């Protein structure tokens, strides 16, 4: 049963890396750099590991389980994660931060994937 979760996480990591590389390449080409700036995946992993427990605590504390209230909680979590990324010197776009938050909530088993994805669509 856990193999499909591991497969989902592995595929999502690959997609995230591809998106990050494309975004960085586009940013670097607009800045006139000869080589695209690549995100340090070690820093991204450290960031994700650092905020994972805080995401779980925040969602458990502030979400009643009602799907209607989840977008507001997710918006606050994404903002907190973005602030933490900036404080660590990571220039992450919202899509990446939202993915990190989604993975954390899935790992904590706080809500179903479909519920989180639907709620995340409402988060700017």
N, C-alpha and C. Protein backbone atom coordinates (compact mmCIF):
# COMPACT_ATOMS: atom_id res chain seq x y z
N UNK A 1 0.81 -1.19 0.00
CA UNK A 1 0.00 0.00 0.00
C UNK A 1 0.86 1.26 0.00
N UNK A 2 1.99 1.24 0.66
CA UNK A 2 2.84 2.42 0.74
C UNK A 2 3.62 2.66 -0.55
N UNK A 3 3.69 1.67 -1.41
CA UNK A 3 4.48 1.84 -2.64
C UNK A 3 3.91 2.93 -3.52
N UNK A 4 2.58 3.08 -3.54
CA UNK A 4 1.99 4.11 -4.41
C UNK A 4 2.24 5.50 -3.87
N UNK A 5 2.36 5.63 -2.55
CA UNK A 5 2.70 6.93 -1.96
C UNK A 5 4.14 7.29 -2.33
N UNK A 6 5.03 6.32 -2.21
CA UNK A 6 6.43 6.56 -2.58
C UNK A 6 6.55 6.91 -4.06
N UNK A 7 5.78 6.23 -4.89
CA UNK A 7 5.79 6.53 -6.32
C UNK A 7 5.27 7.94 -6.58
N UNK A 8 4.20 8.33 -5.92
CA UNK A 8 3.63 9.68 -6.07
C UNK A 8 4.65 10.73 -5.67
N UNK A 9 5.30 10.54 -4.54
CA UNK A 9 6.29 11.50 -4.07
C UNK A 9 7.46 11.58 -5.05
N UNK A 10 7.93 10.44 -5.53
CA UNK A 10 9.06 10.44 -6.47
C UNK A 10 8.71 11.17 -7.77
N UNK A 11 7.54 10.91 -8.30
CA UNK A 11 7.12 11.58 -9.54
C UNK A 11 6.97 13.07 -9.30
N UNK A 12 6.41 13.44 -8.17
CA UNK A 12 6.21 14.86 -7.88
C UNK A 12 7.54 15.58 -7.70
N UNK A 13 8.52 14.92 -7.09
CA UNK A 13 9.84 15.52 -6.95
C UNK A 13 10.47 15.76 -8.31
N UNK A 14 10.35 14.78 -9.20
CA UNK A 14 10.89 14.93 -10.55
C UNK A 14 10.22 16.10 -11.27
N UNK A 15 8.91 16.20 -11.17
CA UNK A 15 8.19 17.31 -11.82
C UNK A 15 8.60 18.64 -11.22
N UNK A 16 8.74 18.69 -9.91
CA UNK A 16 9.15 19.93 -9.25
C UNK A 16 10.54 20.35 -9.72
N UNK A 17 11.46 19.40 -9.82
CA UNK A 17 12.82 19.72 -10.28
C UNK A 17 12.79 20.25 -11.71
N UNK A 18 11.98 19.64 -12.56
CA UNK A 18 11.88 20.10 -13.94
C UNK A 18 11.33 21.53 -13.99
N UNK A 19 10.28 21.79 -13.23
CA UNK A 19 9.70 23.13 -13.20
C UNK A 19 10.72 24.14 -12.68
N UNK A 20 11.43 23.77 -11.62
CA UNK A 20 12.43 24.68 -11.06
C UNK A 20 13.52 24.98 -12.08
N UNK A 21 13.98 23.98 -12.77
CA UNK A 21 15.04 24.20 -13.77
C UNK A 21 14.55 25.10 -14.90
N UNK A 22 13.34 24.89 -15.35
CA UNK A 22 12.81 25.74 -16.42
C UNK A 22 12.64 27.18 -15.95
N UNK A 23 12.12 27.35 -14.74
CA UNK A 23 11.96 28.71 -14.20
C UNK A 23 13.31 29.39 -14.03
N UNK A 24 14.27 28.69 -13.50
CA UNK A 24 15.61 29.26 -13.31
C UNK A 24 16.26 29.59 -14.64
N UNK A 25 16.09 28.71 -15.61
CA UNK A 25 16.67 28.98 -16.93
C UNK A 25 16.03 30.21 -17.55
N UNK A 26 14.73 30.36 -17.40
CA UNK A 26 14.05 31.52 -17.95
C UNK A 26 14.49 32.79 -17.22
N UNK A 27 14.63 32.73 -15.91
CA UNK A 27 15.08 33.89 -15.15
C UNK A 27 16.51 34.27 -15.53
N UNK A 28 17.35 33.28 -15.67
CA UNK A 28 18.75 33.55 -16.00
C UNK A 28 18.87 34.15 -17.41
N UNK A 29 18.06 33.67 -18.34
CA UNK A 29 18.15 34.19 -19.70
C UNK A 29 17.65 35.63 -19.78
N UNK A 30 16.71 36.00 -18.91
CA UNK A 30 16.24 37.39 -18.92
C UNK A 30 17.22 38.31 -18.21
N UNK A 31 18.08 37.77 -17.36
CA UNK A 31 19.07 38.57 -16.67
C UNK A 31 20.35 38.71 -17.50
N UNK A 32 20.45 37.96 -18.58
CA UNK A 32 21.64 38.04 -19.41
C UNK A 32 22.77 37.14 -18.94
N UNK A 33 22.52 36.28 -17.98
CA UNK A 33 23.55 35.35 -17.53
C UNK A 33 23.83 34.32 -18.60
N UNK A 34 25.06 33.87 -18.67
CA UNK A 34 25.39 32.86 -19.67
C UNK A 34 24.97 31.46 -19.24
N UNK A 35 24.95 31.23 -17.94
CA UNK A 35 24.53 29.92 -17.42
C UNK A 35 23.34 30.11 -16.50
N UNK A 36 22.34 29.25 -16.61
CA UNK A 36 21.18 29.39 -15.73
C UNK A 36 21.57 29.10 -14.28
N UNK A 37 20.96 29.85 -13.38
CA UNK A 37 21.20 29.65 -11.96
C UNK A 37 20.33 28.48 -11.52
N UNK A 38 20.95 27.50 -10.89
CA UNK A 38 20.21 26.32 -10.46
C UNK A 38 19.96 26.39 -8.95
N UNK A 39 18.80 25.95 -8.54
CA UNK A 39 18.45 25.90 -7.13
C UNK A 39 19.24 24.80 -6.46
N UNK A 40 19.77 25.08 -5.32
CA UNK A 40 20.49 24.09 -4.55
C UNK A 40 19.45 23.16 -3.92
N UNK A 41 19.38 21.94 -4.41
CA UNK A 41 18.36 21.01 -3.91
C UNK A 41 18.60 20.64 -2.45
N UNK A 42 19.83 20.72 -2.00
CA UNK A 42 20.11 20.48 -0.59
C UNK A 42 19.46 21.54 0.28
N UNK A 43 19.51 22.80 -0.17
CA UNK A 43 18.86 23.88 0.57
C UNK A 43 17.34 23.71 0.55
N UNK A 44 16.81 23.29 -0.61
CA UNK A 44 15.37 23.07 -0.70
C UNK A 44 14.95 21.95 0.24
N UNK A 45 15.71 20.90 0.29
CA UNK A 45 15.41 19.78 1.19
C UNK A 45 15.48 20.23 2.66
N UNK A 46 16.52 21.00 2.99
CA UNK A 46 16.65 21.52 4.35
C UNK A 46 15.49 22.41 4.73
N UNK A 47 15.06 23.24 3.78
CA UNK A 47 13.91 24.11 3.99
C UNK A 47 12.65 23.28 4.25
N UNK A 48 12.42 22.29 3.39
CA UNK A 48 11.23 21.44 3.52
C UNK A 48 11.24 20.68 4.85
N UNK A 49 12.41 20.17 5.22
CA UNK A 49 12.51 19.44 6.49
C UNK A 49 12.27 20.36 7.69
N UNK A 50 12.74 21.61 7.58
CA UNK A 50 12.60 22.54 8.70
C UNK A 50 11.16 22.97 8.91
N UNK A 51 10.43 23.20 7.83
CA UNK A 51 9.06 23.70 8.01
C UNK A 51 8.03 22.59 8.15
N UNK A 52 8.40 21.36 7.85
CA UNK A 52 7.45 20.24 7.92
C UNK A 52 6.75 20.14 9.28
N UNK A 53 7.48 20.12 10.38
CA UNK A 53 6.77 20.02 11.68
C UNK A 53 5.88 21.23 11.96
N UNK A 54 6.32 22.41 11.57
CA UNK A 54 5.52 23.62 11.82
C UNK A 54 4.24 23.61 11.01
N UNK A 55 4.32 23.10 9.78
CA UNK A 55 3.11 23.02 8.96
C UNK A 55 2.09 22.10 9.63
N UNK A 56 2.55 20.95 10.07
CA UNK A 56 1.64 20.01 10.75
C UNK A 56 1.01 20.62 11.99
N UNK A 57 1.83 21.28 12.81
CA UNK A 57 1.31 21.90 14.03
C UNK A 57 0.30 22.99 13.70
N UNK A 58 0.62 23.83 12.71
CA UNK A 58 -0.27 24.95 12.37
C UNK A 58 -1.61 24.43 11.86
N UNK A 59 -1.57 23.45 10.96
CA UNK A 59 -2.82 22.94 10.38
C UNK A 59 -3.65 22.23 11.44
N UNK A 60 -3.01 21.44 12.29
CA UNK A 60 -3.75 20.75 13.36
C UNK A 60 -4.42 21.76 14.30
N UNK A 61 -3.73 22.85 14.58
CA UNK A 61 -4.23 23.85 15.52
C UNK A 61 -5.34 24.71 14.93
N UNK A 62 -5.23 25.05 13.64
CA UNK A 62 -6.11 26.06 13.06
C UNK A 62 -7.17 25.54 12.10
N UNK A 63 -7.17 24.25 11.81
CA UNK A 63 -8.16 23.72 10.88
C UNK A 63 -9.06 22.73 11.60
N UNK A 64 -10.36 22.95 11.50
CA UNK A 64 -11.34 22.12 12.19
C UNK A 64 -11.65 20.81 11.47
N UNK A 65 -11.20 20.69 10.22
CA UNK A 65 -11.52 19.52 9.43
C UNK A 65 -12.56 19.81 8.37
N UNK A 66 -13.13 21.01 8.42
CA UNK A 66 -14.12 21.43 7.44
C UNK A 66 -13.41 21.88 6.16
N UNK A 67 -13.70 21.26 5.01
CA UNK A 67 -13.03 21.64 3.76
C UNK A 67 -13.20 23.12 3.40
N UNK A 68 -14.29 23.74 3.85
CA UNK A 68 -14.53 25.15 3.55
C UNK A 68 -13.49 26.06 4.22
N UNK A 69 -12.98 25.65 5.35
CA UNK A 69 -12.02 26.47 6.08
C UNK A 69 -10.57 26.23 5.70
N UNK A 70 -10.33 25.19 4.91
CA UNK A 70 -8.95 24.83 4.57
C UNK A 70 -8.23 25.88 3.72
N UNK A 71 -8.86 26.52 2.74
CA UNK A 71 -8.11 27.52 1.95
C UNK A 71 -7.52 28.65 2.79
N UNK A 72 -8.22 29.11 3.77
CA UNK A 72 -7.70 30.16 4.63
C UNK A 72 -6.48 29.71 5.43
N UNK A 73 -6.55 28.49 5.93
CA UNK A 73 -5.42 27.93 6.68
C UNK A 73 -4.23 27.74 5.74
N UNK A 74 -4.50 27.21 4.55
CA UNK A 74 -3.41 27.00 3.60
C UNK A 74 -2.76 28.31 3.17
N UNK A 75 -3.55 29.35 3.01
CA UNK A 75 -3.00 30.65 2.63
C UNK A 75 -2.00 31.12 3.68
N UNK A 76 -2.36 30.97 4.94
CA UNK A 76 -1.45 31.38 6.02
C UNK A 76 -0.20 30.50 6.05
N UNK A 77 -0.37 29.21 5.82
CA UNK A 77 0.78 28.29 5.81
C UNK A 77 1.72 28.64 4.66
N UNK A 78 1.16 28.91 3.49
CA UNK A 78 1.99 29.26 2.33
C UNK A 78 2.75 30.56 2.59
N UNK A 79 2.09 31.54 3.19
CA UNK A 79 2.76 32.80 3.52
C UNK A 79 3.90 32.58 4.50
N UNK A 80 3.65 31.77 5.53
CA UNK A 80 4.71 31.46 6.51
C UNK A 80 5.87 30.73 5.85
N UNK A 81 5.56 29.79 4.97
CA UNK A 81 6.61 29.05 4.27
C UNK A 81 7.40 29.97 3.35
N UNK A 82 6.73 30.90 2.68
CA UNK A 82 7.42 31.85 1.80
C UNK A 82 8.36 32.74 2.61
N UNK A 83 7.91 33.18 3.77
CA UNK A 83 8.77 34.01 4.63
C UNK A 83 9.99 33.23 5.10
N UNK A 84 9.78 31.98 5.45
CA UNK A 84 10.90 31.13 5.88
C UNK A 84 11.88 30.91 4.73
N UNK A 85 11.37 30.69 3.53
CA UNK A 85 12.24 30.50 2.37
C UNK A 85 13.09 31.75 2.14
N UNK A 86 12.45 32.91 2.21
CA UNK A 86 13.21 34.17 2.02
C UNK A 86 14.27 34.33 3.10
N UNK A 87 13.94 33.97 4.34
CA UNK A 87 14.91 34.11 5.42
C UNK A 87 16.10 33.16 5.25
N UNK A 88 15.90 32.09 4.51
CA UNK A 88 16.98 31.15 4.23
C UNK A 88 17.72 31.48 2.93
N UNK A 89 17.30 32.55 2.28
CA UNK A 89 17.96 32.95 1.04
C UNK A 89 17.51 32.16 -0.17
N UNK A 90 16.37 31.53 -0.09
CA UNK A 90 15.82 30.76 -1.21
C UNK A 90 14.82 31.62 -1.97
N UNK A 91 15.01 31.74 -3.25
CA UNK A 91 14.10 32.51 -4.10
C UNK A 91 13.15 31.52 -4.78
N UNK A 92 12.12 31.12 -4.05
CA UNK A 92 11.19 30.11 -4.56
C UNK A 92 9.91 30.79 -5.04
N UNK A 93 9.37 30.30 -6.15
CA UNK A 93 8.10 30.85 -6.59
C UNK A 93 6.96 30.18 -5.82
N UNK A 94 5.78 30.74 -5.95
CA UNK A 94 4.62 30.26 -5.19
C UNK A 94 4.29 28.81 -5.50
N UNK A 95 4.47 28.41 -6.74
CA UNK A 95 4.14 27.03 -7.13
C UNK A 95 4.97 26.04 -6.33
N UNK A 96 6.24 26.31 -6.19
CA UNK A 96 7.13 25.40 -5.46
C UNK A 96 6.75 25.39 -3.97
N UNK A 97 6.49 26.56 -3.43
CA UNK A 97 6.12 26.63 -2.01
C UNK A 97 4.81 25.89 -1.76
N UNK A 98 3.86 26.04 -2.67
CA UNK A 98 2.59 25.32 -2.53
C UNK A 98 2.82 23.81 -2.57
N UNK A 99 3.71 23.36 -3.45
CA UNK A 99 4.01 21.92 -3.53
C UNK A 99 4.61 21.40 -2.24
N UNK A 100 5.53 22.16 -1.68
CA UNK A 100 6.15 21.76 -0.42
C UNK A 100 5.08 21.63 0.66
N UNK A 101 4.17 22.61 0.72
CA UNK A 101 3.10 22.57 1.71
C UNK A 101 2.19 21.37 1.47
N UNK A 102 1.82 21.13 0.22
CA UNK A 102 0.97 19.97 -0.10
C UNK A 102 1.62 18.67 0.34
N UNK A 103 2.90 18.52 0.05
CA UNK A 103 3.61 17.28 0.44
C UNK A 103 3.67 17.13 1.95
N UNK A 104 3.87 18.23 2.63
CA UNK A 104 3.94 18.16 4.08
C UNK A 104 2.60 17.72 4.67
N UNK A 105 1.52 18.30 4.17
CA UNK A 105 0.19 17.94 4.67
C UNK A 105 -0.12 16.48 4.36
N UNK A 106 0.29 16.02 3.18
CA UNK A 106 0.09 14.61 2.83
C UNK A 106 0.90 13.71 3.75
N UNK A 107 2.13 14.10 4.05
CA UNK A 107 2.97 13.29 4.92
C UNK A 107 2.42 13.24 6.35
N UNK A 108 1.81 14.32 6.78
CA UNK A 108 1.18 14.35 8.11
C UNK A 108 -0.17 13.62 8.11
N UNK A 109 -0.70 13.33 6.94
CA UNK A 109 -2.00 12.67 6.79
C UNK A 109 -3.11 13.48 7.45
N UNK A 110 -3.07 14.79 7.20
CA UNK A 110 -4.06 15.69 7.79
C UNK A 110 -5.31 15.84 6.95
N UNK A 111 -5.18 15.64 5.63
CA UNK A 111 -6.33 15.78 4.73
C UNK A 111 -6.05 14.96 3.49
N UNK A 112 -7.11 14.60 2.79
CA UNK A 112 -6.95 13.87 1.55
C UNK A 112 -6.34 14.74 0.46
N UNK A 113 -5.66 14.12 -0.46
CA UNK A 113 -4.99 14.85 -1.53
C UNK A 113 -5.92 15.69 -2.36
N UNK A 114 -7.10 15.15 -2.68
CA UNK A 114 -8.05 15.90 -3.51
C UNK A 114 -8.57 17.13 -2.77
N UNK A 115 -8.79 17.00 -1.47
CA UNK A 115 -9.27 18.12 -0.67
C UNK A 115 -8.22 19.22 -0.63
N UNK A 116 -6.96 18.83 -0.44
CA UNK A 116 -5.88 19.81 -0.37
C UNK A 116 -5.68 20.49 -1.72
N UNK A 117 -5.70 19.71 -2.80
CA UNK A 117 -5.53 20.30 -4.14
C UNK A 117 -6.63 21.30 -4.46
N UNK A 118 -7.87 20.96 -4.13
CA UNK A 118 -8.99 21.87 -4.38
C UNK A 118 -8.84 23.14 -3.56
N UNK A 119 -8.47 22.99 -2.30
CA UNK A 119 -8.30 24.16 -1.44
C UNK A 119 -7.12 25.00 -1.91
N UNK A 120 -6.05 24.36 -2.37
CA UNK A 120 -4.86 25.07 -2.81
C UNK A 120 -5.14 25.90 -4.06
N UNK A 121 -6.12 25.48 -4.87
CA UNK A 121 -6.49 26.25 -6.06
C UNK A 121 -7.03 27.63 -5.68
N UNK A 122 -7.56 27.74 -4.48
CA UNK A 122 -8.12 29.01 -4.01
C UNK A 122 -7.09 29.90 -3.34
N UNK A 123 -5.88 29.37 -3.14
CA UNK A 123 -4.81 30.14 -2.50
C UNK A 123 -4.02 30.87 -3.56
N UNK A 124 -3.84 32.17 -3.37
CA UNK A 124 -3.11 32.98 -4.35
C UNK A 124 -1.63 32.67 -4.33
